[in-house]
Amino acid sequence: MPIKINNSRCIQCIGCASVCPTGALELQGLSMVFHPEKCISCGICARACPANAITFTPKNEKEKKKRTDSNEKK
């Protein structure tokens, strides 16, 4: 699974869900729910989370390199 949500840290701001291009995250009650079948492993949700409640782990080395390259351009 490319992301993990720590619901005890989540502040239910839905910032992650609002930036997810595939709708892989949604607020249900007081918890964010992750739909892995919709996730494209872009990591945008983790970067958008102000509470650092989302941990992004690339699925493979190609994705890890793409994320590293993207961060170096910032």
N, C-alpha and C. Protein backbone atom coordinates (compact mmCIF):
# COMPACT_ATOMS: atom_id res chain seq x y z
N MET A 1 0.85 -1.17 0.00
CA MET A 1 0.00 0.00 0.00
C MET A 1 0.90 1.25 0.00
N PRO A 2 0.71 2.15 -0.94
CA PRO A 2 1.61 3.30 -1.06
C PRO A 2 1.45 4.36 0.02
N ILE A 3 0.26 4.46 0.65
CA ILE A 3 0.11 5.44 1.72
C ILE A 3 -0.49 4.79 2.96
N LYS A 4 -0.16 5.39 4.08
CA LYS A 4 -0.76 4.99 5.35
C LYS A 4 -1.27 6.25 6.01
N ILE A 5 -2.47 6.18 6.56
CA ILE A 5 -3.06 7.32 7.24
C ILE A 5 -3.06 7.06 8.74
N ASN A 6 -2.52 8.00 9.48
CA ASN A 6 -2.54 7.94 10.94
C ASN A 6 -3.75 8.77 11.37
N ASN A 7 -4.89 8.11 11.56
CA ASN A 7 -6.12 8.83 11.88
C ASN A 7 -6.07 9.54 13.23
N SER A 8 -5.17 9.14 14.11
CA SER A 8 -5.06 9.85 15.37
C SER A 8 -4.39 11.22 15.19
N ARG A 9 -3.64 11.40 14.11
CA ARG A 9 -3.02 12.70 13.80
C ARG A 9 -3.88 13.53 12.86
N CYS A 10 -4.77 12.89 12.15
CA CYS A 10 -5.59 13.57 11.13
C CYS A 10 -6.50 14.61 11.79
N ILE A 11 -6.57 15.80 11.18
CA ILE A 11 -7.42 16.87 11.70
C ILE A 11 -8.68 17.07 10.84
N GLN A 12 -8.97 16.11 9.98
CA GLN A 12 -10.16 16.10 9.12
C GLN A 12 -10.32 17.38 8.30
N CYS A 13 -9.22 17.94 7.83
CA CYS A 13 -9.29 19.16 7.03
C CYS A 13 -9.65 18.87 5.57
N ILE A 14 -9.58 17.63 5.17
CA ILE A 14 -9.79 17.08 3.82
C ILE A 14 -8.86 17.69 2.76
N GLY A 15 -7.75 18.26 3.22
CA GLY A 15 -6.76 18.78 2.27
C GLY A 15 -6.23 17.70 1.35
N CYS A 16 -6.00 16.52 1.89
CA CYS A 16 -5.49 15.41 1.08
C CYS A 16 -6.50 14.99 0.02
N ALA A 17 -7.75 14.87 0.43
CA ALA A 17 -8.80 14.44 -0.49
C ALA A 17 -9.04 15.48 -1.58
N SER A 18 -8.89 16.75 -1.23
CA SER A 18 -9.15 17.80 -2.21
C SER A 18 -8.08 17.88 -3.30
N VAL A 19 -6.87 17.39 -3.02
CA VAL A 19 -5.81 17.43 -4.04
C VAL A 19 -5.61 16.10 -4.75
N CYS A 20 -6.22 15.03 -4.26
CA CYS A 20 -6.04 13.72 -4.88
C CYS A 20 -6.69 13.70 -6.26
N PRO A 21 -5.90 13.43 -7.30
CA PRO A 21 -6.45 13.47 -8.66
C PRO A 21 -7.38 12.30 -9.00
N THR A 22 -7.40 11.27 -8.17
CA THR A 22 -8.22 10.10 -8.48
C THR A 22 -9.32 9.83 -7.48
N GLY A 23 -9.44 10.65 -6.44
CA GLY A 23 -10.47 10.43 -5.43
C GLY A 23 -10.20 9.22 -4.55
N ALA A 24 -8.92 8.94 -4.29
CA ALA A 24 -8.55 7.77 -3.50
C ALA A 24 -8.74 7.98 -2.00
N LEU A 25 -9.03 9.20 -1.59
CA LEU A 25 -9.23 9.51 -0.17
C LEU A 25 -10.58 10.18 0.04
N GLU A 26 -11.24 9.81 1.12
CA GLU A 26 -12.50 10.46 1.45
C GLU A 26 -12.71 10.44 2.96
N LEU A 27 -13.41 11.46 3.43
CA LEU A 27 -13.72 11.53 4.85
C LEU A 27 -15.01 10.77 5.11
N GLN A 28 -14.94 9.82 6.03
CA GLN A 28 -16.12 9.07 6.46
C GLN A 28 -16.19 9.20 7.97
N GLY A 29 -17.16 9.95 8.44
CA GLY A 29 -17.26 10.21 9.86
C GLY A 29 -16.09 11.07 10.30
N LEU A 30 -15.30 10.58 11.23
CA LEU A 30 -14.13 11.32 11.70
C LEU A 30 -12.82 10.70 11.23
N SER A 31 -12.88 9.87 10.20
CA SER A 31 -11.68 9.21 9.69
C SER A 31 -11.56 9.37 8.19
N MET A 32 -10.32 9.51 7.74
CA MET A 32 -10.06 9.49 6.31
C MET A 32 -9.97 8.03 5.89
N VAL A 33 -10.59 7.72 4.78
CA VAL A 33 -10.59 6.37 4.25
C VAL A 33 -9.81 6.37 2.94
N PHE A 34 -8.90 5.42 2.80
CA PHE A 34 -8.06 5.28 1.62
C PHE A 34 -8.58 4.16 0.75
N HIS A 35 -8.74 4.42 -0.56
CA HIS A 35 -9.18 3.43 -1.54
C HIS A 35 -7.97 3.10 -2.43
N PRO A 36 -7.19 2.07 -2.05
CA PRO A 36 -5.95 1.78 -2.77
C PRO A 36 -6.14 1.47 -4.26
N GLU A 37 -7.29 0.96 -4.63
CA GLU A 37 -7.52 0.63 -6.04
C GLU A 37 -7.57 1.88 -6.92
N LYS A 38 -7.80 3.04 -6.32
CA LYS A 38 -7.85 4.30 -7.06
C LYS A 38 -6.52 5.05 -7.03
N CYS A 39 -5.62 4.66 -6.15
CA CYS A 39 -4.37 5.38 -5.93
C CYS A 39 -3.38 5.18 -7.08
N ILE A 40 -2.77 6.27 -7.53
CA ILE A 40 -1.75 6.20 -8.58
C ILE A 40 -0.34 6.45 -8.02
N SER A 41 -0.23 6.47 -6.70
CA SER A 41 1.06 6.61 -6.00
C SER A 41 1.80 7.89 -6.35
N CYS A 42 1.07 9.00 -6.44
CA CYS A 42 1.72 10.27 -6.77
C CYS A 42 2.29 10.97 -5.54
N GLY A 43 1.73 10.69 -4.35
CA GLY A 43 2.23 11.29 -3.12
C GLY A 43 1.74 12.70 -2.85
N ILE A 44 0.88 13.22 -3.70
CA ILE A 44 0.39 14.59 -3.53
C ILE A 44 -0.36 14.73 -2.21
N CYS A 45 -1.10 13.73 -1.82
CA CYS A 45 -1.87 13.78 -0.57
C CYS A 45 -0.97 13.97 0.64
N ALA A 46 0.14 13.26 0.67
CA ALA A 46 1.06 13.35 1.81
C ALA A 46 1.67 14.74 1.90
N ARG A 47 2.00 15.33 0.77
CA ARG A 47 2.58 16.67 0.77
C ARG A 47 1.55 17.72 1.18
N ALA A 48 0.27 17.46 0.92
CA ALA A 48 -0.78 18.43 1.24
C ALA A 48 -1.25 18.37 2.69
N CYS A 49 -0.91 17.32 3.41
CA CYS A 49 -1.41 17.13 4.77
C CYS A 49 -0.68 18.03 5.77
N PRO A 50 -1.40 19.00 6.37
CA PRO A 50 -0.74 19.89 7.33
C PRO A 50 -0.42 19.22 8.67
N ALA A 51 -1.04 18.10 8.95
CA ALA A 51 -0.82 17.40 10.21
C ALA A 51 0.19 16.27 10.09
N ASN A 52 0.74 16.08 8.90
CA ASN A 52 1.67 14.97 8.64
C ASN A 52 1.08 13.64 9.06
N ALA A 53 -0.18 13.45 8.75
CA ALA A 53 -0.88 12.22 9.12
C ALA A 53 -0.79 11.15 8.03
N ILE A 54 -0.21 11.51 6.88
CA ILE A 54 -0.11 10.55 5.77
C ILE A 54 1.35 10.25 5.50
N THR A 55 1.66 8.97 5.47
CA THR A 55 3.00 8.51 5.13
C THR A 55 2.94 7.90 3.74
N PHE A 56 3.77 8.41 2.83
CA PHE A 56 3.81 7.90 1.46
C PHE A 56 5.04 7.03 1.29
N THR A 57 4.84 5.83 0.76
CA THR A 57 5.93 4.91 0.46
C THR A 57 5.79 4.49 -1.00
N PRO A 58 6.74 4.89 -1.85
CA PRO A 58 6.68 4.47 -3.25
C PRO A 58 6.63 2.95 -3.39
N LYS A 59 5.90 2.48 -4.38
CA LYS A 59 5.75 1.04 -4.59
C LYS A 59 7.04 0.39 -5.08
N ASN A 60 7.82 1.12 -5.84
CA ASN A 60 9.03 0.52 -6.39
C ASN A 60 10.11 1.58 -6.57
N GLU A 61 11.28 1.18 -7.00
CA GLU A 61 12.41 2.09 -7.14
C GLU A 61 12.16 3.18 -8.18
N LYS A 62 11.43 2.88 -9.25
CA LYS A 62 11.15 3.87 -10.28
C LYS A 62 10.33 5.02 -9.69
N GLU A 63 9.32 4.69 -8.91
CA GLU A 63 8.50 5.71 -8.27
C GLU A 63 9.30 6.49 -7.25
N LYS A 64 10.18 5.80 -6.51
CA LYS A 64 11.02 6.45 -5.51
C LYS A 64 11.93 7.48 -6.18
N LYS A 65 12.53 7.10 -7.31
CA LYS A 65 13.41 8.01 -8.04
C LYS A 65 12.62 9.19 -8.59
N LYS A 66 11.43 8.95 -9.12
CA LYS A 66 10.60 10.02 -9.66
C LYS A 66 10.26 11.02 -8.57
N ARG A 67 9.93 10.56 -7.39
CA ARG A 67 9.60 11.44 -6.27
C ARG A 67 10.83 12.22 -5.82
N THR A 68 11.98 11.58 -5.75
CA THR A 68 13.21 12.25 -5.36
C THR A 68 13.56 13.33 -6.36
N ASP A 69 13.48 13.01 -7.67
CA ASP A 69 13.77 13.99 -8.71
C ASP A 69 12.83 15.18 -8.63
N SER A 70 11.57 14.91 -8.34
CA SER A 70 10.57 15.97 -8.23
C SER A 70 10.87 16.89 -7.06
N ASN A 71 11.28 16.33 -5.93
CA ASN A 71 11.61 17.13 -4.76
C ASN A 71 12.86 17.99 -4.97
N GLU A 72 13.82 17.49 -5.75
CA GLU A 72 15.05 18.24 -6.00
C GLU A 72 14.80 19.46 -6.87
N LYS A 73 13.74 19.45 -7.68
CA LYS A 73 13.41 20.57 -8.56
C LYS A 73 12.77 21.71 -7.81
N LYS A 74 12.30 21.47 -6.59
CA LYS A 74 11.60 22.50 -5.81
C LYS A 74 12.57 23.48 -5.20
